Amino acid sequence: MDHEKILQEAISQSKNPSDVPKVETLHQNLAHMTVALKELETRLIRVTNKMNRLNIVDRDEFVVPLAECVFLIKNKISETEKSINKFIK
């Protein structure tokens, strides 16, 4: 994650100079959420494969919390992208 690049992007995108910190923060949030999403998606795949490999039928307590986290982060990424649009040109 290149914070300087994110700052430069925020400077070039912001409608008003006072919006730069807001846009920068939202872009940083997106970057962190994207990293977390990829980690959770990878974990979900690994857990699902393990449950399949071990023929574990009752897998909800292992899989559902991860799937819910993936769903939630995807929604929050979408909301954050919409928030950025309020402040950019």
PDB file of N, CA and C in Angstrom:
ATOM      1  N   MET A   1       0.851  -1.163   0.000  1.00  0.00           N
ATOM      2  CA  MET A   1       0.000   0.000   0.000  1.00  0.00           C
ATOM      3  C   MET A   1       0.903   1.234   0.000  1.00  0.00           C
ATOM      4  N   ASP A   2       0.722   2.048  -1.006  1.00  0.00           N
ATOM      5  CA  ASP A   2       1.551   3.231  -1.182  1.00  0.00           C
ATOM      6  C   ASP A   2       0.769   4.472  -0.735  1.00  0.00           C
ATOM      7  N   HIS A   3       1.041   4.908   0.488  1.00  0.00           N
ATOM      8  CA  HIS A   3       0.287   6.042   1.047  1.00  0.00           C
ATOM      9  C   HIS A   3       0.548   7.337   0.278  1.00  0.00           C
ATOM     10  N   GLU A   4       1.756   7.497  -0.223  1.00  0.00           N
ATOM     11  CA  GLU A   4       2.061   8.706  -1.008  1.00  0.00           C
ATOM     12  C   GLU A   4       1.255   8.709  -2.307  1.00  0.00           C
ATOM     13  N   LYS A   5       1.146   7.569  -2.944  1.00  0.00           N
ATOM     14  CA  LYS A   5       0.348   7.462  -4.167  1.00  0.00           C
ATOM     15  C   LYS A   5      -1.130   7.742  -3.877  1.00  0.00           C
ATOM     16  N   ILE A   6      -1.607   7.226  -2.762  1.00  0.00           N
ATOM     17  CA  ILE A   6      -2.998   7.479  -2.365  1.00  0.00           C
ATOM     18  C   ILE A   6      -3.218   8.965  -2.124  1.00  0.00           C
ATOM     19  N   LEU A   7      -2.266   9.615  -1.478  1.00  0.00           N
ATOM     20  CA  LEU A   7      -2.379  11.064  -1.230  1.00  0.00           C
ATOM     21  C   LEU A   7      -2.423  11.829  -2.544  1.00  0.00           C
ATOM     22  N   GLN A   8      -1.540  11.490  -3.460  1.00  0.00           N
ATOM     23  CA  GLN A   8      -1.511  12.183  -4.757  1.00  0.00           C
ATOM     24  C   GLN A   8      -2.818  11.970  -5.519  1.00  0.00           C
ATOM     25  N   GLU A   9      -3.357  10.775  -5.428  1.00  0.00           N
ATOM     26  CA  GLU A   9      -4.642  10.489  -6.073  1.00  0.00           C
ATOM     27  C   GLU A   9      -5.745  11.333  -5.443  1.00  0.00           C
ATOM     28  N   ALA A  10      -5.722  11.444  -4.126  1.00  0.00           N
ATOM     29  CA  ALA A  10      -6.733  12.247  -3.426  1.00  0.00           C
ATOM     30  C   ALA A  10      -6.622  13.716  -3.826  1.00  0.00           C
ATOM     31  N   ILE A  11      -5.407  14.205  -3.950  1.00  0.00           N
ATOM     32  CA  ILE A  11      -5.208  15.604  -4.342  1.00  0.00           C
ATOM     33  C   ILE A  11      -5.758  15.847  -5.742  1.00  0.00           C
ATOM     34  N   SER A  12      -5.503  14.909  -6.652  1.00  0.00           N
ATOM     35  CA  SER A  12      -5.952  15.097  -8.037  1.00  0.00           C
ATOM     36  C   SER A  12      -7.457  14.877  -8.204  1.00  0.00           C
ATOM     37  N   GLN A  13      -8.076  14.123  -7.331  1.00  0.00           N
ATOM     38  CA  GLN A  13      -9.495  13.802  -7.475  1.00  0.00           C
ATOM     39  C   GLN A  13     -10.429  14.736  -6.729  1.00  0.00           C
ATOM     40  N   SER A  14      -9.977  15.332  -5.666  1.00  0.00           N
ATOM     41  CA  SER A  14     -10.868  16.090  -4.782  1.00  0.00           C
ATOM     42  C   SER A  14     -11.448  17.326  -5.442  1.00  0.00           C
ATOM     43  N   LYS A  15     -12.737  17.539  -5.210  1.00  0.00           N
ATOM     44  CA  LYS A  15     -13.417  18.736  -5.712  1.00  0.00           C
ATOM     45  C   LYS A  15     -12.836  19.980  -5.063  1.00  0.00           C
ATOM     46  N   ASN A  16     -12.625  19.899  -3.748  1.00  0.00           N
ATOM     47  CA  ASN A  16     -12.128  21.032  -2.967  1.00  0.00           C
ATOM     48  C   ASN A  16     -10.882  20.597  -2.206  1.00  0.00           C
ATOM     49  N   PRO A  17      -9.940  21.512  -2.003  1.00  0.00           N
ATOM     50  CA  PRO A  17      -8.747  21.155  -1.228  1.00  0.00           C
ATOM     51  C   PRO A  17      -9.086  20.649   0.176  1.00  0.00           C
ATOM     52  N   SER A  18     -10.174  21.136   0.746  1.00  0.00           N
ATOM     53  CA  SER A  18     -10.545  20.682   2.091  1.00  0.00           C
ATOM     54  C   SER A  18     -11.035  19.231   2.105  1.00  0.00           C
ATOM     55  N   ASP A  19     -11.349  18.705   0.923  1.00  0.00           N
ATOM     56  CA  ASP A  19     -11.803  17.315   0.823  1.00  0.00           C
ATOM     57  C   ASP A  19     -10.661  16.309   0.686  1.00  0.00           C
ATOM     58  N   VAL A  20      -9.447  16.788   0.469  1.00  0.00           N
ATOM     59  CA  VAL A  20      -8.307  15.883   0.261  1.00  0.00           C
ATOM     60  C   VAL A  20      -8.153  14.879   1.404  1.00  0.00           C
ATOM     61  N   PRO A  21      -8.154  15.304   2.677  1.00  0.00           N
ATOM     62  CA  PRO A  21      -7.998  14.314   3.752  1.00  0.00           C
ATOM     63  C   PRO A  21      -9.136  13.294   3.791  1.00  0.00           C
ATOM     64  N   LYS A  22     -10.327  13.729   3.427  1.00  0.00           N
ATOM     65  CA  LYS A  22     -11.472  12.819   3.413  1.00  0.00           C
ATOM     66  C   LYS A  22     -11.294  11.755   2.324  1.00  0.00           C
ATOM     67  N   VAL A  23     -10.941  12.203   1.122  1.00  0.00           N
ATOM     68  CA  VAL A  23     -10.747  11.277   0.002  1.00  0.00           C
ATOM     69  C   VAL A  23      -9.564  10.349   0.291  1.00  0.00           C
ATOM     70  N   GLU A  24      -8.505  10.910   0.827  1.00  0.00           N
ATOM     71  CA  GLU A  24      -7.333  10.102   1.160  1.00  0.00           C
ATOM     72  C   GLU A  24      -7.702   9.004   2.171  1.00  0.00           C
ATOM     73  N   THR A  25      -8.424   9.382   3.208  1.00  0.00           N
ATOM     74  CA  THR A  25      -8.818   8.426   4.240  1.00  0.00           C
ATOM     75  C   THR A  25      -9.717   7.333   3.659  1.00  0.00           C
ATOM     76  N   LEU A  26     -10.664   7.717   2.826  1.00  0.00           N
ATOM     77  CA  LEU A  26     -11.557   6.725   2.225  1.00  0.00           C
ATOM     78  C   LEU A  26     -10.781   5.760   1.319  1.00  0.00           C
ATOM     79  N   HIS A  27      -9.822   6.302   0.558  1.00  0.00           N
ATOM     80  CA  HIS A  27      -8.990   5.434  -0.286  1.00  0.00           C
ATOM     81  C   HIS A  27      -8.143   4.486   0.575  1.00  0.00           C
ATOM     82  N   GLN A  28      -7.607   4.991   1.666  1.00  0.00           N
ATOM     83  CA  GLN A  28      -6.831   4.135   2.570  1.00  0.00           C
ATOM     84  C   GLN A  28      -7.722   3.053   3.175  1.00  0.00           C
ATOM     85  N   ASN A  29      -8.938   3.433   3.565  1.00  0.00           N
ATOM     86  CA  ASN A  29      -9.884   2.446   4.099  1.00  0.00           C
ATOM     87  C   ASN A  29     -10.159   1.359   3.070  1.00  0.00           C
ATOM     88  N   LEU A  30     -10.374   1.775   1.823  1.00  0.00           N
ATOM     89  CA  LEU A  30     -10.609   0.807   0.747  1.00  0.00           C
ATOM     90  C   LEU A  30      -9.437  -0.158   0.603  1.00  0.00           C
ATOM     91  N   ALA A  31      -8.244   0.380   0.646  1.00  0.00           N
ATOM     92  CA  ALA A  31      -7.057  -0.456   0.496  1.00  0.00           C
ATOM     93  C   ALA A  31      -6.972  -1.494   1.614  1.00  0.00           C
ATOM     94  N   HIS A  32      -7.198  -1.060   2.836  1.00  0.00           N
ATOM     95  CA  HIS A  32      -7.137  -1.990   3.974  1.00  0.00           C
ATOM     96  C   HIS A  32      -8.263  -3.021   3.916  1.00  0.00           C
ATOM     97  N   MET A  33      -9.464  -2.575   3.542  1.00  0.00           N
ATOM     98  CA  MET A  33     -10.585  -3.514   3.452  1.00  0.00           C
ATOM     99  C   MET A  33     -10.353  -4.534   2.343  1.00  0.00           C
ATOM    100  N   THR A  34      -9.737  -4.106   1.249  1.00  0.00           N
ATOM    101  CA  THR A  34      -9.466  -5.024   0.143  1.00  0.00           C
ATOM    102  C   THR A  34      -8.474  -6.096   0.564  1.00  0.00           C
ATOM    103  N   VAL A  35      -7.441  -5.702   1.291  1.00  0.00           N
ATOM    104  CA  VAL A  35      -6.473  -6.683   1.795  1.00  0.00           C
ATOM    105  C   VAL A  35      -7.171  -7.673   2.732  1.00  0.00           C
ATOM    106  N   ALA A  36      -7.978  -7.158   3.639  1.00  0.00           N
ATOM    107  CA  ALA A  36      -8.706  -8.030   4.574  1.00  0.00           C
ATOM    108  C   ALA A  36      -9.654  -8.960   3.829  1.00  0.00           C
ATOM    109  N   LEU A  37     -10.323  -8.439   2.812  1.00  0.00           N
ATOM    110  CA  LEU A  37     -11.246  -9.254   2.022  1.00  0.00           C
ATOM    111  C   LEU A  37     -10.517 -10.415   1.368  1.00  0.00           C
ATOM    112  N   LYS A  38      -9.380 -10.145   0.765  1.00  0.00           N
ATOM    113  CA  LYS A  38      -8.630 -11.208   0.097  1.00  0.00           C
ATOM    114  C   LYS A  38      -8.172 -12.266   1.097  1.00  0.00           C
ATOM    115  N   GLU A  39      -7.761 -11.836   2.270  1.00  0.00           N
ATOM    116  CA  GLU A  39      -7.342 -12.792   3.304  1.00  0.00           C
ATOM    117  C   GLU A  39      -8.522 -13.653   3.760  1.00  0.00           C
ATOM    118  N   LEU A  40      -9.673 -13.036   3.960  1.00  0.00           N
ATOM    119  CA  LEU A  40     -10.855 -13.789   4.385  1.00  0.00           C
ATOM    120  C   LEU A  40     -11.364 -14.723   3.297  1.00  0.00           C
ATOM    121  N   GLU A  41     -11.327 -14.270   2.051  1.00  0.00           N
ATOM    122  CA  GLU A  41     -11.748 -15.137   0.954  1.00  0.00           C
ATOM    123  C   GLU A  41     -10.832 -16.364   0.854  1.00  0.00           C
ATOM    124  N   THR A  42      -9.546 -16.135   1.012  1.00  0.00           N
ATOM    125  CA  THR A  42      -8.582 -17.245   0.987  1.00  0.00           C
ATOM    126  C   THR A  42      -8.847 -18.204   2.132  1.00  0.00           C
ATOM    127  N   ARG A  43      -9.085 -17.665   3.311  1.00  0.00           N
ATOM    128  CA  ARG A  43      -9.373 -18.506   4.477  1.00  0.00           C
ATOM    129  C   ARG A  43     -10.657 -19.301   4.266  1.00  0.00           C
ATOM    130  N   LEU A  44     -11.675 -18.671   3.718  1.00  0.00           N
ATOM    131  CA  LEU A  44     -12.944 -19.354   3.455  1.00  0.00           C
ATOM    132  C   LEU A  44     -12.740 -20.531   2.495  1.00  0.00           C
ATOM    133  N   ILE A  45     -11.973 -20.336   1.470  1.00  0.00           N
ATOM    134  CA  ILE A  45     -11.683 -21.416   0.513  1.00  0.00           C
ATOM    135  C   ILE A  45     -10.933 -22.547   1.198  1.00  0.00           C
ATOM    136  N   ARG A  46      -9.942 -22.192   2.012  1.00  0.00           N
ATOM    137  CA  ARG A  46      -9.152 -23.224   2.692  1.00  0.00           C
ATOM    138  C   ARG A  46      -9.998 -24.034   3.673  1.00  0.00           C
ATOM    139  N   VAL A  47     -10.849 -23.345   4.419  1.00  0.00           N
ATOM    140  CA  VAL A  47     -11.709 -24.035   5.379  1.00  0.00           C
ATOM    141  C   VAL A  47     -12.706 -24.931   4.644  1.00  0.00           C
ATOM    142  N   THR A  48     -13.292 -24.413   3.572  1.00  0.00           N
ATOM    143  CA  THR A  48     -14.239 -25.206   2.795  1.00  0.00           C
ATOM    144  C   THR A  48     -13.558 -26.455   2.235  1.00  0.00           C
ATOM    145  N   ASN A  49     -12.378 -26.288   1.691  1.00  0.00           N
ATOM    146  CA  ASN A  49     -11.637 -27.443   1.167  1.00  0.00           C
ATOM    147  C   ASN A  49     -11.317 -28.453   2.264  1.00  0.00           C
ATOM    148  N   LYS A  50     -10.960 -27.958   3.432  1.00  0.00           N
ATOM    149  CA  LYS A  50     -10.663 -28.853   4.557  1.00  0.00           C
ATOM    150  C   LYS A  50     -11.907 -29.639   4.968  1.00  0.00           C
ATOM    151  N   MET A  51     -13.037 -28.955   5.059  1.00  0.00           N
ATOM    152  CA  MET A  51     -14.283 -29.626   5.424  1.00  0.00           C
ATOM    153  C   MET A  51     -14.639 -30.698   4.391  1.00  0.00           C
ATOM    154  N   ASN A  52     -14.430 -30.375   3.119  1.00  0.00           N
ATOM    155  CA  ASN A  52     -14.692 -31.350   2.054  1.00  0.00           C
ATOM    156  C   ASN A  52     -13.734 -32.542   2.147  1.00  0.00           C
ATOM    157  N   ARG A  53     -12.471 -32.242   2.337  1.00  0.00           N
ATOM    158  CA  ARG A  53     -11.449 -33.289   2.410  1.00  0.00           C
ATOM    159  C   ARG A  53     -11.695 -34.241   3.567  1.00  0.00           C
ATOM    160  N   LEU A  54     -12.157 -33.698   4.701  1.00  0.00           N
ATOM    161  CA  LEU A  54     -12.387 -34.507   5.898  1.00  0.00           C
ATOM    162  C   LEU A  54     -13.831 -35.020   5.978  1.00  0.00           C
ATOM    163  N   ASN A  55     -14.605 -34.738   4.949  1.00  0.00           N
ATOM    164  CA  ASN A  55     -16.008 -35.172   4.894  1.00  0.00           C
ATOM    165  C   ASN A  55     -16.803 -34.718   6.114  1.00  0.00           C
ATOM    166  N   ILE A  56     -16.587 -33.497   6.540  1.00  0.00           N
ATOM    167  CA  ILE A  56     -17.326 -32.935   7.670  1.00  0.00           C
ATOM    168  C   ILE A  56     -18.619 -32.347   7.125  1.00  0.00           C
ATOM    169  N   VAL A  57     -19.727 -32.903   7.548  1.00  0.00           N
ATOM    170  CA  VAL A  57     -21.032 -32.493   7.036  1.00  0.00           C
ATOM    171  C   VAL A  57     -21.548 -31.257   7.768  1.00  0.00           C
ATOM    172  N   ASP A  58     -21.425 -31.250   9.076  1.00  0.00           N
ATOM    173  CA  ASP A  58     -21.899 -30.136   9.894  1.00  0.00           C
ATOM    174  C   ASP A  58     -20.817 -29.053   9.914  1.00  0.00           C
ATOM    175  N   ARG A  59     -20.773 -28.231   8.870  1.00  0.00           N
ATOM    176  CA  ARG A  59     -19.681 -27.279   8.707  1.00  0.00           C
ATOM    177  C   ARG A  59     -20.075 -25.827   8.924  1.00  0.00           C
ATOM    178  N   ASP A  60     -21.341 -25.585   9.226  1.00  0.00           N
ATOM    179  CA  ASP A  60     -21.813 -24.205   9.327  1.00  0.00           C
ATOM    180  C   ASP A  60     -21.014 -23.365  10.311  1.00  0.00           C
ATOM    181  N   GLU A  61     -20.699 -23.912  11.472  1.00  0.00           N
ATOM    182  CA  GLU A  61     -19.993 -23.095  12.467  1.00  0.00           C
ATOM    183  C   GLU A  61     -18.571 -22.755  12.030  1.00  0.00           C
ATOM    184  N   PHE A  62     -18.059 -23.474  11.039  1.00  0.00           N
ATOM    185  CA  PHE A  62     -16.710 -23.215  10.540  1.00  0.00           C
ATOM    186  C   PHE A  62     -16.715 -22.296   9.322  1.00  0.00           C
ATOM    187  N   VAL A  63     -17.745 -22.417   8.503  1.00  0.00           N
ATOM    188  CA  VAL A  63     -17.786 -21.716   7.222  1.00  0.00           C
ATOM    189  C   VAL A  63     -18.636 -20.450   7.254  1.00  0.00           C
ATOM    190  N   VAL A  64     -19.779 -20.505   7.888  1.00  0.00           N
ATOM    191  CA  VAL A  64     -20.729 -19.386   7.851  1.00  0.00           C
ATOM    192  C   VAL A  64     -20.135 -18.083   8.411  1.00  0.00           C
ATOM    193  N   PRO A  65     -19.444 -18.086   9.542  1.00  0.00           N
ATOM    194  CA  PRO A  65     -18.891 -16.807  10.018  1.00  0.00           C
ATOM    195  C   PRO A  65     -17.935 -16.160   9.017  1.00  0.00           C
ATOM    196  N   LEU A  66     -17.125 -16.971   8.353  1.00  0.00           N
ATOM    197  CA  LEU A  66     -16.215 -16.429   7.348  1.00  0.00           C
ATOM    198  C   LEU A  66     -16.991 -15.878   6.151  1.00  0.00           C
ATOM    199  N   ALA A  67     -17.993 -16.616   5.706  1.00  0.00           N
ATOM    200  CA  ALA A  67     -18.804 -16.169   4.569  1.00  0.00           C
ATOM    201  C   ALA A  67     -19.526 -14.859   4.903  1.00  0.00           C
ATOM    202  N   GLU A  68     -20.005 -14.738   6.117  1.00  0.00           N
ATOM    203  CA  GLU A  68     -20.675 -13.504   6.536  1.00  0.00           C
ATOM    204  C   GLU A  68     -19.700 -12.335   6.560  1.00  0.00           C
ATOM    205  N   CYS A  69     -18.471 -12.580   7.003  1.00  0.00           N
ATOM    206  CA  CYS A  69     -17.449 -11.525   7.009  1.00  0.00           C
ATOM    207  C   CYS A  69     -17.129 -11.069   5.590  1.00  0.00           C
ATOM    208  N   VAL A  70     -16.993 -12.015   4.675  1.00  0.00           N
ATOM    209  CA  VAL A  70     -16.726 -11.679   3.278  1.00  0.00           C
ATOM    210  C   VAL A  70     -17.862 -10.816   2.732  1.00  0.00           C
ATOM    211  N   PHE A  71     -19.092 -11.228   2.988  1.00  0.00           N
ATOM    212  CA  PHE A  71     -20.256 -10.483   2.523  1.00  0.00           C
ATOM    213  C   PHE A  71     -20.261  -9.063   3.097  1.00  0.00           C
ATOM    214  N   LEU A  72     -20.009  -8.946   4.389  1.00  0.00           N
ATOM    215  CA  LEU A  72     -20.024  -7.642   5.048  1.00  0.00           C
ATOM    216  C   LEU A  72     -18.944  -6.723   4.492  1.00  0.00           C
ATOM    217  N   ILE A  73     -17.740  -7.229   4.340  1.00  0.00           N
ATOM    218  CA  ILE A  73     -16.656  -6.383   3.831  1.00  0.00           C
ATOM    219  C   ILE A  73     -16.935  -5.958   2.392  1.00  0.00           C
ATOM    220  N   LYS A  74     -17.470  -6.854   1.570  1.00  0.00           N
ATOM    221  CA  LYS A  74     -17.816  -6.467   0.198  1.00  0.00           C
ATOM    222  C   LYS A  74     -18.832  -5.340   0.199  1.00  0.00           C
ATOM    223  N   ASN A  75     -19.812  -5.408   1.077  1.00  0.00           N
ATOM    224  CA  ASN A  75     -20.804  -4.330   1.172  1.00  0.00           C
ATOM    225  C   ASN A  75     -20.175  -3.022   1.636  1.00  0.00           C
ATOM    226  N   LYS A  76     -19.280  -3.102   2.593  1.00  0.00           N
ATOM    227  CA  LYS A  76     -18.639  -1.885   3.111  1.00  0.00           C
ATOM    228  C   LYS A  76     -17.694  -1.277   2.071  1.00  0.00           C
ATOM    229  N   ILE A  77     -17.063  -2.112   1.264  1.00  0.00           N
ATOM    230  CA  ILE A  77     -16.235  -1.601   0.173  1.00  0.00           C
ATOM    231  C   ILE A  77     -17.118  -0.823  -0.797  1.00  0.00           C
ATOM    232  N   SER A  78     -18.256  -1.380  -1.126  1.00  0.00           N
ATOM    233  CA  SER A  78     -19.186  -0.711  -2.035  1.00  0.00           C
ATOM    234  C   SER A  78     -19.659   0.622  -1.461  1.00  0.00           C
ATOM    235  N   GLU A  79     -20.003   0.634  -0.193  1.00  0.00           N
ATOM    236  CA  GLU A  79     -20.443   1.876   0.465  1.00  0.00           C
ATOM    237  C   GLU A  79     -19.326   2.918   0.463  1.00  0.00           C
ATOM    238  N   THR A  80     -18.109   2.489   0.702  1.00  0.00           N
ATOM    239  CA  THR A  80     -16.969   3.410   0.734  1.00  0.00           C
ATOM    240  C   THR A  80     -16.718   3.991  -0.649  1.00  0.00           C
ATOM    241  N   GLU A  81     -16.838   3.171  -1.676  1.00  0.00           N
ATOM    242  CA  GLU A  81     -16.681   3.674  -3.044  1.00  0.00           C
ATOM    243  C   GLU A  81     -17.729   4.742  -3.349  1.00  0.00           C
ATOM    244  N   LYS A  82     -18.944   4.531  -2.877  1.00  0.00           N
ATOM    245  CA  LYS A  82     -20.002   5.531  -3.075  1.00  0.00           C
ATOM    246  C   LYS A  82     -19.676   6.813  -2.310  1.00  0.00           C
ATOM    247  N   SER A  83     -19.112   6.675  -1.130  1.00  0.00           N
ATOM    248  CA  SER A  83     -18.736   7.851  -0.339  1.00  0.00           C
ATOM    249  C   SER A  83     -17.665   8.668  -1.042  1.00  0.00           C
ATOM    250  N   ILE A  84     -16.711   7.990  -1.638  1.00  0.00           N
ATOM    251  CA  ILE A  84     -15.650   8.700  -2.359  1.00  0.00           C
ATOM    252  C   ILE A  84     -16.253   9.551  -3.469  1.00  0.00           C
ATOM    253  N   ASN A  85     -17.246   9.014  -4.150  1.00  0.00           N
ATOM    254  CA  ASN A  85     -17.852   9.734  -5.267  1.00  0.00           C
ATOM    255  C   ASN A  85     -18.470  11.063  -4.859  1.00  0.00           C
ATOM    256  N   LYS A  86     -18.810  11.223  -3.581  1.00  0.00           N
ATOM    257  CA  LYS A  86     -19.370  12.497  -3.112  1.00  0.00           C
ATOM    258  C   LYS A  86     -18.328  13.606  -3.094  1.00  0.00           C
ATOM    259  N   PHE A  87     -17.055  13.222  -3.011  1.00  0.00           N
ATOM    260  CA  PHE A  87     -15.993  14.208  -2.810  1.00  0.00           C
ATOM    261  C   PHE A  87     -15.092  14.413  -4.025  1.00  0.00           C
ATOM    262  N   ILE A  88     -15.275  13.612  -5.071  1.00  0.00           N
ATOM    263  CA  ILE A  88     -14.367  13.739  -6.215  1.00  0.00           C
ATOM    264  C   ILE A  88     -15.009  14.486  -7.366  1.00  0.00           C
ATOM    265  N   LYS A  89     -14.165  14.930  -8.274  1.00  0.00           N
ATOM    266  CA  LYS A  89     -14.599  15.727  -9.442  1.00  0.00           C
ATOM    267  C   LYS A  89     -15.469  14.914 -10.361  1.00  0.00           C
TER     268      LYS A  89
END
